[in-house]
N, C-alpha and C. Protein backbone atom coordinates (compact mmCIF):
# COMPACT_ATOMS: atom_id res chain seq x y z
N MET A 1 17.09 -18.71 -1.76
CA MET A 1 16.59 -17.41 -1.41
C MET A 1 15.16 -17.27 -1.92
N ILE A 2 14.29 -16.80 -1.06
CA ILE A 2 12.89 -16.61 -1.41
C ILE A 2 12.66 -15.12 -1.69
N VAL A 3 12.15 -14.82 -2.84
CA VAL A 3 11.84 -13.44 -3.20
C VAL A 3 10.33 -13.26 -3.13
N ARG A 4 9.90 -12.32 -2.32
CA ARG A 4 8.47 -12.05 -2.17
C ARG A 4 8.15 -10.71 -2.81
N ARG A 5 7.04 -10.67 -3.49
CA ARG A 5 6.57 -9.40 -4.05
C ARG A 5 5.88 -8.59 -2.96
N LEU A 6 6.07 -7.30 -3.01
CA LEU A 6 5.40 -6.43 -2.05
C LEU A 6 3.92 -6.30 -2.41
N PRO A 7 3.06 -6.23 -1.41
CA PRO A 7 1.65 -5.98 -1.69
C PRO A 7 1.46 -4.62 -2.37
N LEU A 8 0.39 -4.51 -3.12
CA LEU A 8 0.12 -3.30 -3.89
C LEU A 8 0.06 -2.05 -3.01
N LEU A 9 -0.60 -2.13 -1.87
CA LEU A 9 -0.72 -0.95 -1.00
C LEU A 9 0.63 -0.52 -0.44
N ILE A 10 1.51 -1.46 -0.20
CA ILE A 10 2.84 -1.12 0.32
C ILE A 10 3.68 -0.49 -0.79
N ARG A 11 3.59 -1.02 -2.00
CA ARG A 11 4.30 -0.41 -3.13
C ARG A 11 3.81 1.01 -3.37
N ALA A 12 2.49 1.22 -3.28
CA ALA A 12 1.93 2.56 -3.47
C ALA A 12 2.40 3.51 -2.37
N ALA A 13 2.47 3.02 -1.14
CA ALA A 13 2.94 3.85 -0.03
C ALA A 13 4.39 4.26 -0.24
N TRP A 14 5.23 3.33 -0.73
CA TRP A 14 6.63 3.66 -1.01
C TRP A 14 6.72 4.71 -2.12
N GLN A 15 5.86 4.62 -3.11
CA GLN A 15 5.87 5.60 -4.20
C GLN A 15 5.50 6.99 -3.69
N VAL A 16 4.53 7.05 -2.79
CA VAL A 16 4.14 8.34 -2.19
C VAL A 16 5.32 8.94 -1.43
N LEU A 17 6.00 8.12 -0.63
CA LEU A 17 7.14 8.63 0.12
C LEU A 17 8.28 9.07 -0.80
N GLU A 18 8.53 8.31 -1.84
CA GLU A 18 9.60 8.66 -2.77
C GLU A 18 9.29 9.96 -3.50
N TRP A 19 8.04 10.13 -3.91
CA TRP A 19 7.65 11.37 -4.61
C TRP A 19 7.80 12.57 -3.70
N HIS A 20 7.33 12.45 -2.45
CA HIS A 20 7.40 13.56 -1.51
C HIS A 20 8.83 13.82 -1.01
N ARG A 21 9.70 12.89 -1.23
CA ARG A 21 11.09 13.08 -0.83
C ARG A 21 11.75 14.18 -1.65
N HIS A 22 11.34 14.32 -2.90
CA HIS A 22 11.97 15.28 -3.80
C HIS A 22 11.13 16.53 -4.06
N ARG A 23 9.84 16.46 -3.84
CA ARG A 23 8.98 17.61 -4.11
C ARG A 23 7.77 17.58 -3.16
N ARG A 24 7.07 18.66 -3.13
CA ARG A 24 5.88 18.78 -2.26
C ARG A 24 4.64 18.91 -3.12
N CYS A 25 3.51 18.44 -2.61
CA CYS A 25 2.24 18.61 -3.31
C CYS A 25 1.52 19.83 -2.75
N SER A 26 0.39 20.15 -3.32
CA SER A 26 -0.35 21.34 -2.88
C SER A 26 -0.98 21.15 -1.50
N ALA A 27 -1.13 19.91 -1.03
CA ALA A 27 -1.73 19.66 0.28
C ALA A 27 -0.71 19.69 1.41
N CYS A 28 0.58 19.74 1.09
CA CYS A 28 1.63 19.76 2.11
C CYS A 28 1.65 21.11 2.82
N CYS A 29 1.84 21.07 4.13
CA CYS A 29 1.97 22.30 4.92
C CYS A 29 3.40 22.81 4.77
N PRO A 30 3.62 24.09 4.99
CA PRO A 30 4.99 24.61 4.91
C PRO A 30 5.93 23.97 5.94
N GLY A 31 5.42 23.64 7.11
CA GLY A 31 6.27 23.08 8.15
C GLY A 31 6.15 21.58 8.32
N GLY A 32 5.41 20.92 7.46
CA GLY A 32 5.22 19.49 7.64
C GLY A 32 4.81 18.79 6.36
N TRP A 33 4.18 17.68 6.52
CA TRP A 33 3.80 16.84 5.38
C TRP A 33 2.28 16.80 5.25
N CYS A 34 1.82 16.25 4.15
CA CYS A 34 0.39 16.13 3.92
C CYS A 34 -0.12 14.81 4.53
N PRO A 35 -1.43 14.63 4.60
CA PRO A 35 -1.99 13.41 5.15
C PRO A 35 -1.59 12.15 4.38
N LEU A 36 -1.30 12.26 3.10
CA LEU A 36 -0.88 11.08 2.33
C LEU A 36 0.44 10.52 2.85
N VAL A 37 1.35 11.40 3.21
CA VAL A 37 2.65 10.95 3.73
C VAL A 37 2.47 10.27 5.08
N ARG A 38 1.65 10.87 5.92
CA ARG A 38 1.41 10.26 7.24
C ARG A 38 0.77 8.88 7.09
N ALA A 39 -0.19 8.75 6.19
CA ALA A 39 -0.85 7.46 5.97
C ALA A 39 0.13 6.44 5.40
N ALA A 40 0.98 6.87 4.48
CA ALA A 40 1.96 5.95 3.89
C ALA A 40 2.95 5.46 4.94
N ARG A 41 3.43 6.37 5.76
CA ARG A 41 4.36 5.97 6.83
C ARG A 41 3.71 5.00 7.80
N THR A 42 2.47 5.27 8.18
CA THR A 42 1.76 4.39 9.09
C THR A 42 1.55 3.01 8.48
N ARG A 43 1.19 2.98 7.21
CA ARG A 43 0.95 1.70 6.52
C ARG A 43 2.22 0.86 6.44
N ILE A 44 3.34 1.49 6.11
CA ILE A 44 4.60 0.76 6.00
C ILE A 44 5.06 0.28 7.37
N THR A 45 4.92 1.11 8.38
CA THR A 45 5.31 0.72 9.73
C THR A 45 4.49 -0.48 10.21
N ALA A 46 3.19 -0.44 9.99
CA ALA A 46 2.33 -1.57 10.41
C ALA A 46 2.67 -2.83 9.62
N TRP A 47 2.95 -2.68 8.34
CA TRP A 47 3.30 -3.85 7.53
C TRP A 47 4.61 -4.48 8.01
N ARG A 48 5.57 -3.64 8.35
CA ARG A 48 6.85 -4.16 8.86
C ARG A 48 6.66 -4.86 10.20
N ARG A 49 5.80 -4.30 11.04
CA ARG A 49 5.61 -4.86 12.38
C ARG A 49 4.79 -6.15 12.35
N PHE A 50 3.71 -6.17 11.57
CA PHE A 50 2.78 -7.29 11.61
C PHE A 50 2.76 -8.12 10.34
N GLY A 51 3.56 -7.75 9.34
CA GLY A 51 3.55 -8.42 8.04
C GLY A 51 4.14 -9.83 8.11
N PRO A 52 4.18 -10.45 6.94
CA PRO A 52 4.70 -11.83 6.88
C PRO A 52 6.19 -11.86 7.20
N ARG A 53 6.60 -12.93 7.78
CA ARG A 53 8.01 -13.11 8.16
C ARG A 53 8.68 -14.06 7.20
């Protein structure tokens, strides 16, 4: 079994999503999320799609 470490930006994106899962920051809209969450989701999606196999 090969264990790969996640890149720093992907780990940071997961931390942003985990933090926002339980609480909101001052930049979050009442009906949605802040730009940090959108950027984190986009980064993780792109990494999953085009990342190493």
